[in-house]
Amino acid sequence: MPALWQVAPGQQLASWGWDDEFVVYNNLSGDTHLLDADSVELLALLQRAPATIETLAAQLTDGVAPDDAAALPDTLAALLAQLKKLYLVESSSTPC
């Protein structure tokens, strides 16, 4: 079953950014994290609605080179794993 990813319940994700770096405040833990633009874009998509990696990849393929698009699911999986370690997102199994 594919995992359904979402922002951790109750997470408000206050952020401030400059260039390609963002400071994100985790209101649930009280921690502040320095994230890149890709991670913040991924969090923004998950704030709109929970999604599978496949759905996220489909939303992010516009303007991406074909070789990069093929690697996108693996890249997203790695980013989501990092964000999960920071307690910003969580996953659950969904029926196919």
PDB file of N, CA and C in Angstrom:
ATOM      1  N   MET A   1       0.834  -1.184   0.000  1.00  0.00           N
ATOM      2  CA  MET A   1       0.000   0.000   0.000  1.00  0.00           C
ATOM      3  C   MET A   1       0.881   1.252   0.000  1.00  0.00           C
ATOM      4  N   PRO A   2       0.541   2.215  -0.835  1.00  0.00           N
ATOM      5  CA  PRO A   2       1.333   3.454  -0.825  1.00  0.00           C
ATOM      6  C   PRO A   2       1.078   4.261   0.446  1.00  0.00           C
ATOM      7  N   ALA A   3       2.114   4.929   0.897  1.00  0.00           N
ATOM      8  CA  ALA A   3       1.985   5.766   2.094  1.00  0.00           C
ATOM      9  C   ALA A   3       1.325   7.091   1.720  1.00  0.00           C
ATOM     10  N   LEU A   4       0.454   7.545   2.580  1.00  0.00           N
ATOM     11  CA  LEU A   4      -0.173   8.851   2.440  1.00  0.00           C
ATOM     12  C   LEU A   4       0.546   9.788   3.400  1.00  0.00           C
ATOM     13  N   TRP A   5       1.157  10.825   2.858  1.00  0.00           N
ATOM     14  CA  TRP A   5       1.929  11.768   3.654  1.00  0.00           C
ATOM     15  C   TRP A   5       1.101  12.999   3.962  1.00  0.00           C
ATOM     16  N   GLN A   6       1.305  13.542   5.162  1.00  0.00           N
ATOM     17  CA  GLN A   6       0.595  14.753   5.560  1.00  0.00           C
ATOM     18  C   GLN A   6       1.433  15.528   6.567  1.00  0.00           C
ATOM     19  N   VAL A   7       1.129  16.807   6.687  1.00  0.00           N
ATOM     20  CA  VAL A   7       1.749  17.617   7.722  1.00  0.00           C
ATOM     21  C   VAL A   7       1.242  17.076   9.052  1.00  0.00           C
ATOM     22  N   ALA A   8       2.098  17.017  10.048  1.00  0.00           N
ATOM     23  CA  ALA A   8       1.703  16.503  11.362  1.00  0.00           C
ATOM     24  C   ALA A   8       0.495  17.283  11.868  1.00  0.00           C
ATOM     25  N   PRO A   9      -0.526  16.588  12.366  1.00  0.00           N
ATOM     26  CA  PRO A   9      -1.725  17.266  12.865  1.00  0.00           C
ATOM     27  C   PRO A   9      -1.381  18.338  13.910  1.00  0.00           C
ATOM     28  N   GLY A  10      -1.953  19.513  13.726  1.00  0.00           N
ATOM     29  CA  GLY A  10      -1.717  20.627  14.640  1.00  0.00           C
ATOM     30  C   GLY A  10      -0.516  21.474  14.258  1.00  0.00           C
ATOM     31  N   GLN A  11       0.240  21.024  13.258  1.00  0.00           N
ATOM     32  CA  GLN A  11       1.430  21.740  12.819  1.00  0.00           C
ATOM     33  C   GLN A  11       1.031  22.986  12.032  1.00  0.00           C
ATOM     34  N   GLN A  12       1.549  24.149  12.435  1.00  0.00           N
ATOM     35  CA  GLN A  12       1.197  25.404  11.769  1.00  0.00           C
ATOM     36  C   GLN A  12       2.265  25.873  10.788  1.00  0.00           C
ATOM     37  N   LEU A  13       3.495  25.435  10.938  1.00  0.00           N
ATOM     38  CA  LEU A  13       4.583  25.699   9.998  1.00  0.00           C
ATOM     39  C   LEU A  13       4.794  27.176   9.675  1.00  0.00           C
ATOM     40  N   ALA A  14       5.072  27.964  10.664  1.00  0.00           N
ATOM     41  CA  ALA A  14       5.459  29.350  10.425  1.00  0.00           C
ATOM     42  C   ALA A  14       6.852  29.341   9.812  1.00  0.00           C
ATOM     43  N   SER A  15       7.039  30.110   8.727  1.00  0.00           N
ATOM     44  CA  SER A  15       8.343  30.111   8.079  1.00  0.00           C
ATOM     45  C   SER A  15       8.734  31.502   7.605  1.00  0.00           C
ATOM     46  N   TRP A  16      10.040  31.693   7.501  1.00  0.00           N
ATOM     47  CA  TRP A  16      10.615  32.929   6.992  1.00  0.00           C
ATOM     48  C   TRP A  16      11.736  32.510   6.057  1.00  0.00           C
ATOM     49  N   GLY A  17      11.846  33.186   4.908  1.00  0.00           N
ATOM     50  CA  GLY A  17      12.864  32.762   3.966  1.00  0.00           C
ATOM     51  C   GLY A  17      13.585  33.887   3.279  1.00  0.00           C
ATOM     52  N   TRP A  18      14.752  33.547   2.768  1.00  0.00           N
ATOM     53  CA  TRP A  18      15.545  34.426   1.935  1.00  0.00           C
ATOM     54  C   TRP A  18      16.344  33.533   0.999  1.00  0.00           C
ATOM     55  N   ASP A  19      16.501  33.987  -0.225  1.00  0.00           N
ATOM     56  CA  ASP A  19      17.167  33.194  -1.258  1.00  0.00           C
ATOM     57  C   ASP A  19      16.525  31.800  -1.300  1.00  0.00           C
ATOM     58  N   ASP A  20      17.320  30.767  -1.135  1.00  0.00           N
ATOM     59  CA  ASP A  20      16.801  29.389  -1.169  1.00  0.00           C
ATOM     60  C   ASP A  20      16.819  28.727   0.196  1.00  0.00           C
ATOM     61  N   GLU A  21      16.857  29.525   1.262  1.00  0.00           N
ATOM     62  CA  GLU A  21      16.864  28.979   2.615  1.00  0.00           C
ATOM     63  C   GLU A  21      15.674  29.516   3.394  1.00  0.00           C
ATOM     64  N   PHE A  22      15.123  28.653   4.223  1.00  0.00           N
ATOM     65  CA  PHE A  22      13.959  29.013   5.016  1.00  0.00           C
ATOM     66  C   PHE A  22      14.137  28.544   6.449  1.00  0.00           C
ATOM     67  N   VAL A  23      13.693  29.346   7.374  1.00  0.00           N
ATOM     68  CA  VAL A  23      13.629  28.956   8.768  1.00  0.00           C
ATOM     69  C   VAL A  23      12.181  28.579   9.030  1.00  0.00           C
ATOM     70  N   VAL A  24      11.965  27.372   9.506  1.00  0.00           N
ATOM     71  CA  VAL A  24      10.609  26.871   9.765  1.00  0.00           C
ATOM     72  C   VAL A  24      10.491  26.567  11.249  1.00  0.00           C
ATOM     73  N   TYR A  25       9.455  27.125  11.858  1.00  0.00           N
ATOM     74  CA  TYR A  25       9.201  26.906  13.280  1.00  0.00           C
ATOM     75  C   TYR A  25       8.185  25.792  13.444  1.00  0.00           C
ATOM     76  N   ASN A  26       8.548  24.791  14.226  1.00  0.00           N
ATOM     77  CA  ASN A  26       7.663  23.674  14.540  1.00  0.00           C
ATOM     78  C   ASN A  26       6.960  24.012  15.856  1.00  0.00           C
ATOM     79  N   ASN A  27       5.708  24.426  15.766  1.00  0.00           N
ATOM     80  CA  ASN A  27       4.975  24.837  16.966  1.00  0.00           C
ATOM     81  C   ASN A  27       4.678  23.670  17.907  1.00  0.00           C
ATOM     82  N   LEU A  28       4.761  22.445  17.412  1.00  0.00           N
ATOM     83  CA  LEU A  28       4.475  21.288  18.264  1.00  0.00           C
ATOM     84  C   LEU A  28       5.661  20.932  19.152  1.00  0.00           C
ATOM     85  N   SER A  29       6.877  21.099  18.623  1.00  0.00           N
ATOM     86  CA  SER A  29       8.068  20.751  19.405  1.00  0.00           C
ATOM     87  C   SER A  29       8.783  21.980  19.958  1.00  0.00           C
ATOM     88  N   GLY A  30       8.516  23.142  19.364  1.00  0.00           N
ATOM     89  CA  GLY A  30       9.222  24.352  19.759  1.00  0.00           C
ATOM     90  C   GLY A  30      10.572  24.496  19.068  1.00  0.00           C
ATOM     91  N   ASP A  31      10.884  23.581  18.142  1.00  0.00           N
ATOM     92  CA  ASP A  31      12.155  23.623  17.425  1.00  0.00           C
ATOM     93  C   ASP A  31      12.051  24.503  16.184  1.00  0.00           C
ATOM     94  N   THR A  32      13.193  25.066  15.790  1.00  0.00           N
ATOM     95  CA  THR A  32      13.301  25.834  14.561  1.00  0.00           C
ATOM     96  C   THR A  32      14.285  25.114  13.656  1.00  0.00           C
ATOM     97  N   HIS A  33      13.944  24.994  12.367  1.00  0.00           N
ATOM     98  CA  HIS A  33      14.755  24.238  11.417  1.00  0.00           C
ATOM     99  C   HIS A  33      15.126  25.110  10.229  1.00  0.00           C
ATOM    100  N   LEU A  34      16.324  24.922   9.694  1.00  0.00           N
ATOM    101  CA  LEU A  34      16.764  25.573   8.467  1.00  0.00           C
ATOM    102  C   LEU A  34      16.535  24.580   7.334  1.00  0.00           C
ATOM    103  N   LEU A  35      15.642  24.930   6.402  1.00  0.00           N
ATOM    104  CA  LEU A  35      15.290  24.040   5.300  1.00  0.00           C
ATOM    105  C   LEU A  35      15.566  24.706   3.965  1.00  0.00           C
ATOM    106  N   ASP A  36      15.708  23.877   2.936  1.00  0.00           N
ATOM    107  CA  ASP A  36      15.889  24.410   1.591  1.00  0.00           C
ATOM    108  C   ASP A  36      14.534  24.655   0.933  1.00  0.00           C
ATOM    109  N   ALA A  37      14.567  25.296  -0.227  1.00  0.00           N
ATOM    110  CA  ALA A  37      13.333  25.664  -0.931  1.00  0.00           C
ATOM    111  C   ALA A  37      12.513  24.438  -1.325  1.00  0.00           C
ATOM    112  N   ASP A  38      13.183  23.352  -1.718  1.00  0.00           N
ATOM    113  CA  ASP A  38      12.454  22.139  -2.107  1.00  0.00           C
ATOM    114  C   ASP A  38      11.646  21.568  -0.938  1.00  0.00           C
ATOM    115  N   SER A  39      12.243  21.547   0.232  1.00  0.00           N
ATOM    116  CA  SER A  39      11.547  21.033   1.417  1.00  0.00           C
ATOM    117  C   SER A  39      10.347  21.900   1.772  1.00  0.00           C
ATOM    118  N   VAL A  40      10.502  23.199   1.662  1.00  0.00           N
ATOM    119  CA  VAL A  40       9.402  24.117   1.985  1.00  0.00           C
ATOM    120  C   VAL A  40       8.285  23.992   0.955  1.00  0.00           C
ATOM    121  N   GLU A  41       8.647  23.812  -0.322  1.00  0.00           N
ATOM    122  CA  GLU A  41       7.629  23.605  -1.357  1.00  0.00           C
ATOM    123  C   GLU A  41       6.850  22.316  -1.088  1.00  0.00           C
ATOM    124  N   LEU A  42       7.545  21.276  -0.685  1.00  0.00           N
ATOM    125  CA  LEU A  42       6.907  20.004  -0.356  1.00  0.00           C
ATOM    126  C   LEU A  42       5.966  20.162   0.833  1.00  0.00           C
ATOM    127  N   LEU A  43       6.395  20.874   1.855  1.00  0.00           N
ATOM    128  CA  LEU A  43       5.530  21.130   3.014  1.00  0.00           C
ATOM    129  C   LEU A  43       4.292  21.923   2.609  1.00  0.00           C
ATOM    130  N   ALA A  44       4.465  22.889   1.711  1.00  0.00           N
ATOM    131  CA  ALA A  44       3.323  23.695   1.262  1.00  0.00           C
ATOM    132  C   ALA A  44       2.290  22.822   0.545  1.00  0.00           C
ATOM    133  N   LEU A  45       2.758  21.896  -0.289  1.00  0.00           N
ATOM    134  CA  LEU A  45       1.828  20.982  -0.961  1.00  0.00           C
ATOM    135  C   LEU A  45       1.085  20.115   0.051  1.00  0.00           C
ATOM    136  N   LEU A  46       1.798  19.630   1.052  1.00  0.00           N
ATOM    137  CA  LEU A  46       1.161  18.771   2.046  1.00  0.00           C
ATOM    138  C   LEU A  46       0.237  19.555   2.974  1.00  0.00           C
ATOM    139  N   GLN A  47       0.459  20.850   3.120  1.00  0.00           N
ATOM    140  CA  GLN A  47      -0.469  21.663   3.913  1.00  0.00           C
ATOM    141  C   GLN A  47      -1.814  21.771   3.199  1.00  0.00           C
ATOM    142  N   ARG A  48      -1.791  21.753   1.869  1.00  0.00           N
ATOM    143  CA  ARG A  48      -3.040  21.844   1.104  1.00  0.00           C
ATOM    144  C   ARG A  48      -3.847  20.552   1.207  1.00  0.00           C
ATOM    145  N   ALA A  49      -3.128  19.415   1.128  1.00  0.00           N
ATOM    146  CA  ALA A  49      -3.826  18.121   1.183  1.00  0.00           C
ATOM    147  C   ALA A  49      -2.824  16.995   1.355  1.00  0.00           C
ATOM    148  N   PRO A  50      -3.173  15.957   2.108  1.00  0.00           N
ATOM    149  CA  PRO A  50      -2.313  14.769   2.187  1.00  0.00           C
ATOM    150  C   PRO A  50      -2.126  14.175   0.790  1.00  0.00           C
ATOM    151  N   ALA A  51      -0.998  13.531   0.557  1.00  0.00           N
ATOM    152  CA  ALA A  51      -0.721  12.995  -0.773  1.00  0.00           C
ATOM    153  C   ALA A  51       0.273  11.848  -0.693  1.00  0.00           C
ATOM    154  N   THR A  52       0.245  11.007  -1.716  1.00  0.00           N
ATOM    155  CA  THR A  52       1.241   9.956  -1.868  1.00  0.00           C
ATOM    156  C   THR A  52       2.458  10.552  -2.580  1.00  0.00           C
ATOM    157  N   ILE A  53       3.561   9.831  -2.553  1.00  0.00           N
ATOM    158  CA  ILE A  53       4.755  10.286  -3.271  1.00  0.00           C
ATOM    159  C   ILE A  53       4.454  10.420  -4.762  1.00  0.00           C
ATOM    160  N   GLU A  54       3.685   9.504  -5.296  1.00  0.00           N
ATOM    161  CA  GLU A  54       3.343   9.550  -6.718  1.00  0.00           C
ATOM    162  C   GLU A  54       2.551  10.810  -7.055  1.00  0.00           C
ATOM    163  N   THR A  55       1.606  11.177  -6.206  1.00  0.00           N
ATOM    164  CA  THR A  55       0.816  12.386  -6.420  1.00  0.00           C
ATOM    165  C   THR A  55       1.697  13.624  -6.320  1.00  0.00           C
ATOM    166  N   LEU A  56       2.570  13.649  -5.339  1.00  0.00           N
ATOM    167  CA  LEU A  56       3.490  14.779  -5.180  1.00  0.00           C
ATOM    168  C   LEU A  56       4.406  14.906  -6.393  1.00  0.00           C
ATOM    169  N   ALA A  57       4.931  13.787  -6.869  1.00  0.00           N
ATOM    170  CA  ALA A  57       5.815  13.808  -8.037  1.00  0.00           C
ATOM    171  C   ALA A  57       5.082  14.365  -9.257  1.00  0.00           C
ATOM    172  N   ALA A  58       3.832  13.964  -9.433  1.00  0.00           N
ATOM    173  CA  ALA A  58       3.045  14.469 -10.566  1.00  0.00           C
ATOM    174  C   ALA A  58       2.839  15.981 -10.470  1.00  0.00           C
ATOM    175  N   GLN A  59       2.695  16.493  -9.257  1.00  0.00           N
ATOM    176  CA  GLN A  59       2.503  17.933  -9.066  1.00  0.00           C
ATOM    177  C   GLN A  59       3.781  18.722  -9.292  1.00  0.00           C
ATOM    178  N   LEU A  60       4.926  18.073  -9.174  1.00  0.00           N
ATOM    179  CA  LEU A  60       6.208  18.774  -9.224  1.00  0.00           C
ATOM    180  C   LEU A  60       6.991  18.562 -10.514  1.00  0.00           C
ATOM    181  N   THR A  61       6.441  17.853 -11.497  1.00  0.00           N
ATOM    182  CA  THR A  61       7.213  17.534 -12.698  1.00  0.00           C
ATOM    183  C   THR A  61       7.246  18.644 -13.739  1.00  0.00           C
ATOM    184  N   ASP A  62       6.401  19.655 -13.652  1.00  0.00           N
ATOM    185  CA  ASP A  62       6.429  20.741 -14.633  1.00  0.00           C
ATOM    186  C   ASP A  62       7.781  21.435 -14.626  1.00  0.00           C
ATOM    187  N   GLY A  63       8.396  21.533 -15.790  1.00  0.00           N
ATOM    188  CA  GLY A  63       9.672  22.208 -15.913  1.00  0.00           C
ATOM    189  C   GLY A  63      10.870  21.401 -15.444  1.00  0.00           C
ATOM    190  N   VAL A  64      10.662  20.128 -15.125  1.00  0.00           N
ATOM    191  CA  VAL A  64      11.755  19.274 -14.659  1.00  0.00           C
ATOM    192  C   VAL A  64      12.254  18.445 -15.838  1.00  0.00           C
ATOM    193  N   ALA A  65      13.558  18.342 -15.990  1.00  0.00           N
ATOM    194  CA  ALA A  65      14.151  17.537 -17.060  1.00  0.00           C
ATOM    195  C   ALA A  65      13.712  16.076 -16.912  1.00  0.00           C
ATOM    196  N   PRO A  66      13.558  15.357 -18.037  1.00  0.00           N
ATOM    197  CA  PRO A  66      13.085  13.964 -17.965  1.00  0.00           C
ATOM    198  C   PRO A  66      13.900  13.073 -17.028  1.00  0.00           C
ATOM    199  N   ASP A  67      15.229  13.211 -17.037  1.00  0.00           N
ATOM    200  CA  ASP A  67      16.051  12.387 -16.139  1.00  0.00           C
ATOM    201  C   ASP A  67      15.764  12.721 -14.678  1.00  0.00           C
ATOM    202  N   ASP A  68      15.589  14.009 -14.395  1.00  0.00           N
ATOM    203  CA  ASP A  68      15.284  14.430 -13.029  1.00  0.00           C
ATOM    204  C   ASP A  68      13.884  13.991 -12.619  1.00  0.00           C
ATOM    205  N   ALA A  69      12.945  14.016 -13.571  1.00  0.00           N
ATOM    206  CA  ALA A  69      11.573  13.586 -13.276  1.00  0.00           C
ATOM    207  C   ALA A  69      11.544  12.106 -12.908  1.00  0.00           C
ATOM    208  N   ALA A  70      12.369  11.308 -13.556  1.00  0.00           N
ATOM    209  CA  ALA A  70      12.418   9.877 -13.251  1.00  0.00           C
ATOM    210  C   ALA A  70      12.950   9.633 -11.845  1.00  0.00           C
ATOM    211  N   ALA A  71      13.852  10.484 -11.398  1.00  0.00           N
ATOM    212  CA  ALA A  71      14.446  10.341 -10.061  1.00  0.00           C
ATOM    213  C   ALA A  71      13.611  11.029  -8.977  1.00  0.00           C
ATOM    214  N   LEU A  72      12.590  11.778  -9.375  1.00  0.00           N
ATOM    215  CA  LEU A  72      11.812  12.565  -8.423  1.00  0.00           C
ATOM    216  C   LEU A  72      11.180  11.749  -7.295  1.00  0.00           C
ATOM    217  N   PRO A  73      10.577  10.598  -7.541  1.00  0.00           N
ATOM    218  CA  PRO A  73      10.014   9.831  -6.424  1.00  0.00           C
ATOM    219  C   PRO A  73      11.046   9.467  -5.356  1.00  0.00           C
ATOM    220  N   ASP A  74      12.246   9.092  -5.783  1.00  0.00           N
ATOM    221  CA  ASP A  74      13.298   8.762  -4.812  1.00  0.00           C
ATOM    222  C   ASP A  74      13.740  10.000  -4.040  1.00  0.00           C
ATOM    223  N   THR A  75      13.852  11.122  -4.743  1.00  0.00           N
ATOM    224  CA  THR A  75      14.224  12.380  -4.098  1.00  0.00           C
ATOM    225  C   THR A  75      13.172  12.784  -3.076  1.00  0.00           C
ATOM    226  N   LEU A  76      11.898  12.663  -3.454  1.00  0.00           N
ATOM    227  CA  LEU A  76      10.804  13.006  -2.536  1.00  0.00           C
ATOM    228  C   LEU A  76      10.796  12.083  -1.328  1.00  0.00           C
ATOM    229  N   ALA A  77      11.039  10.805  -1.540  1.00  0.00           N
ATOM    230  CA  ALA A  77      11.075   9.854  -0.421  1.00  0.00           C
ATOM    231  C   ALA A  77      12.158  10.249   0.580  1.00  0.00           C
ATOM    232  N   ALA A  78      13.319  10.662   0.067  1.00  0.00           N
ATOM    233  CA  ALA A  78      14.412  11.080   0.955  1.00  0.00           C
ATOM    234  C   ALA A  78      14.045  12.367   1.705  1.00  0.00           C
ATOM    235  N   LEU A  79      13.456  13.334   1.004  1.00  0.00           N
ATOM    236  CA  LEU A  79      13.045  14.578   1.657  1.00  0.00           C
ATOM    237  C   LEU A  79      11.979  14.321   2.721  1.00  0.00           C
ATOM    238  N   LEU A  80      11.009  13.483   2.393  1.00  0.00           N
ATOM    239  CA  LEU A  80       9.947  13.176   3.356  1.00  0.00           C
ATOM    240  C   LEU A  80      10.503  12.460   4.586  1.00  0.00           C
ATOM    241  N   ALA A  81      11.465  11.575   4.385  1.00  0.00           N
ATOM    242  CA  ALA A  81      12.094  10.882   5.521  1.00  0.00           C
ATOM    243  C   ALA A  81      12.794  11.883   6.439  1.00  0.00           C
ATOM    244  N   GLN A  82      13.473  12.878   5.840  1.00  0.00           N
ATOM    245  CA  GLN A  82      14.135  13.905   6.646  1.00  0.00           C
ATOM    246  C   GLN A  82      13.118  14.753   7.402  1.00  0.00           C
ATOM    247  N   LEU A  83      12.037  15.128   6.720  1.00  0.00           N
ATOM    248  CA  LEU A  83      11.006  15.944   7.370  1.00  0.00           C
ATOM    249  C   LEU A  83      10.292  15.163   8.464  1.00  0.00           C
ATOM    250  N   LYS A  84      10.175  13.856   8.283  1.00  0.00           N
ATOM    251  CA  LYS A  84       9.565  13.016   9.318  1.00  0.00           C
ATOM    252  C   LYS A  84      10.442  12.969  10.565  1.00  0.00           C
ATOM    253  N   LYS A  85      11.759  12.913  10.382  1.00  0.00           N
ATOM    254  CA  LYS A  85      12.688  12.919  11.511  1.00  0.00           C
ATOM    255  C   LYS A  85      12.596  14.215  12.308  1.00  0.00           C
ATOM    256  N   LEU A  86      12.186  15.285  11.629  1.00  0.00           N
ATOM    257  CA  LEU A  86      12.020  16.590  12.284  1.00  0.00           C
ATOM    258  C   LEU A  86      10.616  16.754  12.879  1.00  0.00           C
ATOM    259  N   TYR A  87       9.791  15.721  12.742  1.00  0.00           N
ATOM    260  CA  TYR A  87       8.405  15.723  13.246  1.00  0.00           C
ATOM    261  C   TYR A  87       7.546  16.792  12.572  1.00  0.00           C
ATOM    262  N   LEU A  88       7.839  17.079  11.296  1.00  0.00           N
ATOM    263  CA  LEU A  88       7.037  18.035  10.551  1.00  0.00           C
ATOM    264  C   LEU A  88       5.956  17.345   9.731  1.00  0.00           C
ATOM    265  N   VAL A  89       6.215  16.111   9.314  1.00  0.00           N
ATOM    266  CA  VAL A  89       5.256  15.330   8.533  1.00  0.00           C
ATOM    267  C   VAL A  89       5.140  13.932   9.121  1.00  0.00           C
ATOM    268  N   GLU A  90       4.082  13.238   8.698  1.00  0.00           N
ATOM    269  CA  GLU A  90       3.928  11.848   9.088  1.00  0.00           C
ATOM    270  C   GLU A  90       3.267  11.102   7.940  1.00  0.00           C
ATOM    271  N   SER A  91       3.347   9.791   7.982  1.00  0.00           N
ATOM    272  CA  SER A  91       2.756   8.978   6.933  1.00  0.00           C
ATOM    273  C   SER A  91       1.868   7.902   7.519  1.00  0.00           C
ATOM    274  N   SER A  92       0.968   7.439   6.681  1.00  0.00           N
ATOM    275  CA  SER A  92       0.108   6.322   7.047  1.00  0.00           C
ATOM    276  C   SER A  92      -0.155   5.517   5.786  1.00  0.00           C
ATOM    277  N   SER A  93      -0.469   4.243   5.938  1.00  0.00           N
ATOM    278  CA  SER A  93      -0.781   3.408   4.793  1.00  0.00           C
ATOM    279  C   SER A  93      -2.192   3.690   4.339  1.00  0.00           C
ATOM    280  N   THR A  94      -2.370   3.617   3.026  1.00  0.00           N
ATOM    281  CA  THR A  94      -3.694   3.843   2.445  1.00  0.00           C
ATOM    282  C   THR A  94      -4.074   2.653   1.570  1.00  0.00           C
ATOM    283  N   PRO A  95      -5.355   2.375   1.427  1.00  0.00           N
ATOM    284  CA  PRO A  95      -5.746   1.307   0.510  1.00  0.00           C
ATOM    285  C   PRO A  95      -5.451   1.715  -0.931  1.00  0.00           C
ATOM    286  N   CYS A  96      -5.082   0.760  -1.763  1.00  0.00           N
ATOM    287  CA  CYS A  96      -4.779   1.047  -3.183  1.00  0.00           C
ATOM    288  C   CYS A  96      -6.014   1.442  -3.956  1.00  0.00           C
TER     289      CYS A  96
END
